[in-house]
Amino acid sequence: GKTLIDLGCMQINQHYHGDHFRSVEDMLDPHQNVDYAARFLAALHARHMTWSMAVARYHAGPDNDPAQKVYVCRVIANMVATGFGKWTPNASTFCNQ
């Protein structure tokens, strides 16, 4: 079957992360999906030391810097526009703001 797909509310890629779940059904379970995504994002933050890079790596993996930058900057801009975030110095530098 095809495994290069994103599953669940946190869009976890089955190909890269499926071995952390017992089944596809578990990947689709909202509690397990969000729990894994939160732990994975926290690990990325610990590795890269900024939320901008953690979100970038979560979205596009370690080898897709142009796509990561576009995605992260859209996320931050949307958070700022809706009042749920602000431009931090790190985010401003990352997005050339």
C-alpha atoms as a PDB file:
ATOM      1  CA  GLY A   1       0.000   0.000   0.000  1.00  0.00           C
ATOM      2  CA  LYS A   2       0.862   3.635  -0.154  1.00  0.00           C
ATOM      3  CA  THR A   3       2.470   5.079   2.958  1.00  0.00           C
ATOM      4  CA  LEU A   4       3.761   8.475   1.818  1.00  0.00           C
ATOM      5  CA  ILE A   5       0.620  10.163   3.142  1.00  0.00           C
ATOM      6  CA  ASP A   6      -0.168  12.434   6.078  1.00  0.00           C
ATOM      7  CA  LEU A   7      -2.700  11.088   8.552  1.00  0.00           C
ATOM      8  CA  GLY A   8      -4.844  12.512  11.323  1.00  0.00           C
ATOM      9  CA  CYS A   9      -5.510  15.963  12.646  1.00  0.00           C
ATOM     10  CA  MET A  10      -1.788  16.722  13.021  1.00  0.00           C
ATOM     11  CA  GLN A  11      -0.971  15.391   9.537  1.00  0.00           C
ATOM     12  CA  ILE A  12       1.680  12.873  10.607  1.00  0.00           C
ATOM     13  CA  ASN A  13       3.388  11.197   7.671  1.00  0.00           C
ATOM     14  CA  GLN A  14       2.850   7.442   7.750  1.00  0.00           C
ATOM     15  CA  HIS A  15       6.047   6.640   5.850  1.00  0.00           C
ATOM     16  CA  TYR A  16       8.314   8.479   8.289  1.00  0.00           C
ATOM     17  CA  HIS A  17       6.408   8.044  11.557  1.00  0.00           C
ATOM     18  CA  GLY A  18       4.215   4.972  11.151  1.00  0.00           C
ATOM     19  CA  ASP A  19       6.606   2.795  13.136  1.00  0.00           C
ATOM     20  CA  HIS A  20       5.732   4.838  16.248  1.00  0.00           C
ATOM     21  CA  PHE A  21       2.146   3.549  16.114  1.00  0.00           C
ATOM     22  CA  ARG A  22       0.689   0.050  16.348  1.00  0.00           C
ATOM     23  CA  SER A  23      -1.601   0.585  13.348  1.00  0.00           C
ATOM     24  CA  VAL A  24      -3.033   3.093  10.881  1.00  0.00           C
ATOM     25  CA  GLU A  25      -6.124   3.217  13.082  1.00  0.00           C
ATOM     26  CA  ASP A  26      -3.932   4.367  15.982  1.00  0.00           C
ATOM     27  CA  MET A  27      -2.409   7.076  13.778  1.00  0.00           C
ATOM     28  CA  LEU A  28      -5.934   8.287  13.032  1.00  0.00           C
ATOM     29  CA  ASP A  29      -6.970   8.316  16.700  1.00  0.00           C
ATOM     30  CA  PRO A  30      -7.023  12.034  17.643  1.00  0.00           C
ATOM     31  CA  HIS A  31      -5.550  11.512  21.121  1.00  0.00           C
ATOM     32  CA  GLN A  32      -2.652   9.385  19.901  1.00  0.00           C
ATOM     33  CA  ASN A  33      -2.104  11.584  16.843  1.00  0.00           C
ATOM     34  CA  VAL A  34      -1.891  14.816  18.850  1.00  0.00           C
ATOM     35  CA  ASP A  35       0.158  13.206  21.635  1.00  0.00           C
ATOM     36  CA  TYR A  36       2.771  11.941  19.186  1.00  0.00           C
ATOM     37  CA  ALA A  37       2.845  15.232  17.270  1.00  0.00           C
ATOM     38  CA  ALA A  38       3.365  17.239  20.472  1.00  0.00           C
ATOM     39  CA  ARG A  39       6.225  14.994  21.584  1.00  0.00           C
ATOM     40  CA  PHE A  40       7.791  15.090  18.115  1.00  0.00           C
ATOM     41  CA  LEU A  41       7.524  18.894  17.928  1.00  0.00           C
ATOM     42  CA  ALA A  42       9.046  19.233  21.417  1.00  0.00           C
ATOM     43  CA  ALA A  43      11.960  17.006  20.342  1.00  0.00           C
ATOM     44  CA  LEU A  44      12.481  19.144  17.237  1.00  0.00           C
ATOM     45  CA  HIS A  45      12.471  22.278  19.395  1.00  0.00           C
ATOM     46  CA  ALA A  46      15.063  20.738  21.723  1.00  0.00           C
ATOM     47  CA  ARG A  47      17.242  19.860  18.721  1.00  0.00           C
ATOM     48  CA  HIS A  48      16.957  23.155  16.810  1.00  0.00           C
ATOM     49  CA  MET A  49      16.448  25.537  19.772  1.00  0.00           C
ATOM     50  CA  THR A  50      13.795  27.688  18.051  1.00  0.00           C
ATOM     51  CA  TRP A  51      10.112  27.155  17.411  1.00  0.00           C
ATOM     52  CA  SER A  52      10.531  28.548  13.894  1.00  0.00           C
ATOM     53  CA  MET A  53      12.922  25.759  12.943  1.00  0.00           C
ATOM     54  CA  ALA A  54      10.938  23.150  14.886  1.00  0.00           C
ATOM     55  CA  VAL A  55       7.793  24.001  12.914  1.00  0.00           C
ATOM     56  CA  ALA A  56       9.813  24.086   9.693  1.00  0.00           C
ATOM     57  CA  ARG A  57      11.256  20.621  10.287  1.00  0.00           C
ATOM     58  CA  TYR A  58       7.878  19.258  11.399  1.00  0.00           C
ATOM     59  CA  HIS A  59       6.326  20.389   8.140  1.00  0.00           C
ATOM     60  CA  ALA A  60       8.968  19.513   5.575  1.00  0.00           C
ATOM     61  CA  GLY A  61      11.661  17.360   7.157  1.00  0.00           C
ATOM     62  CA  PRO A  62      15.381  18.050   7.325  1.00  0.00           C
ATOM     63  CA  ASP A  63      16.140  18.568   3.624  1.00  0.00           C
ATOM     64  CA  ASN A  64      13.578  21.038   2.286  1.00  0.00           C
ATOM     65  CA  ASP A  65      14.647  24.482   3.506  1.00  0.00           C
ATOM     66  CA  PRO A  66      12.848  26.663   0.892  1.00  0.00           C
ATOM     67  CA  ALA A  67       9.504  24.949   1.496  1.00  0.00           C
ATOM     68  CA  GLN A  68      10.049  25.096   5.242  1.00  0.00           C
ATOM     69  CA  LYS A  69      10.688  28.806   5.244  1.00  0.00           C
ATOM     70  CA  VAL A  70       7.588  29.577   3.183  1.00  0.00           C
ATOM     71  CA  TYR A  71       5.430  27.372   5.406  1.00  0.00           C
ATOM     72  CA  VAL A  72       6.735  28.696   8.721  1.00  0.00           C
ATOM     73  CA  CYS A  73       6.424  32.312   7.641  1.00  0.00           C
ATOM     74  CA  ARG A  74       2.819  31.695   6.564  1.00  0.00           C
ATOM     75  CA  VAL A  75       2.056  30.063   9.918  1.00  0.00           C
ATOM     76  CA  ILE A  76       3.544  32.989  11.838  1.00  0.00           C
ATOM     77  CA  ALA A  77       1.848  35.599   9.637  1.00  0.00           C
ATOM     78  CA  ASN A  78      -1.506  33.862  10.133  1.00  0.00           C
ATOM     79  CA  MET A  79      -0.976  33.700  13.894  1.00  0.00           C
ATOM     80  CA  VAL A  80      -0.119  37.398  14.010  1.00  0.00           C
ATOM     81  CA  ALA A  81      -3.081  38.323  11.792  1.00  0.00           C
ATOM     82  CA  THR A  82      -5.516  36.428  14.021  1.00  0.00           C
ATOM     83  CA  GLY A  83      -4.062  37.771  17.268  1.00  0.00           C
ATOM     84  CA  PHE A  84      -2.667  34.427  18.440  1.00  0.00           C
ATOM     85  CA  GLY A  85       0.983  35.305  17.958  1.00  0.00           C
ATOM     86  CA  LYS A  86       3.528  38.042  17.408  1.00  0.00           C
ATOM     87  CA  TRP A  87       6.695  38.560  15.455  1.00  0.00           C
ATOM     88  CA  THR A  88       9.554  37.608  17.754  1.00  0.00           C
ATOM     89  CA  PRO A  89      13.082  38.716  16.886  1.00  0.00           C
ATOM     90  CA  ASN A  90      13.941  35.151  15.840  1.00  0.00           C
ATOM     91  CA  ALA A  91      10.821  34.784  13.675  1.00  0.00           C
ATOM     92  CA  SER A  92      11.364  38.222  12.122  1.00  0.00           C
ATOM     93  CA  THR A  93      14.928  37.301  11.194  1.00  0.00           C
ATOM     94  CA  PHE A  94      13.886  33.892   9.872  1.00  0.00           C
ATOM     95  CA  CYS A  95      11.151  35.427   7.680  1.00  0.00           C
ATOM     96  CA  ASN A  96      13.099  38.572   6.716  1.00  0.00           C
ATOM     97  CA  GLN A  97      10.521  40.849   8.345  1.00  0.00           C
END
